[in-house]
Amino acid sequence: ANPSTTLSTNQALYVLYRNFPGLLPEFQADLNWLNNFNAVTKKKADSYIADKRKYTIKYGFTDIKKIFKDTFGRESKEFLYISVYEEFPSRDDLGKLVINPPNMTGSVEKTVNYIVKKN
């Protein structure tokens, strides 16, 4: 799990306690726990981010797209994939993609370029 997410979620509680001191008498123990938890989680988050930065890509997306174009060609599946990703970034597993599948019905459907997921 990403400790940065946990830290940002708990920050909302921290802000609530800090901005509404009337809650403190009843929730002082919770605030103490939250302060301690945030300190520990911040160290974990800083370590997590530092570790991720070790593996940064030296190229920007434009450079990577150009590498795809130069390596695979403009008409390749690989270049199509990265072009689609540029328009609609997604982490989904799209499985086997078929473009303009055969046996389509209807006059409009035959003229449109579809991307259809096959199971």
Foldseek 3Di string as FASTA:
>chain_A
DQLVVVLVVLVVVQCVCVVCVVCCVVCVVVNVVSVVVNVVSVVVNVVVVVVVVVDDDPDDLVVVLVVCCVPVNCPDPSNVVSVVCVVPPDPDDLADWDWQDPPDDDPVSNVDIDIDRDD
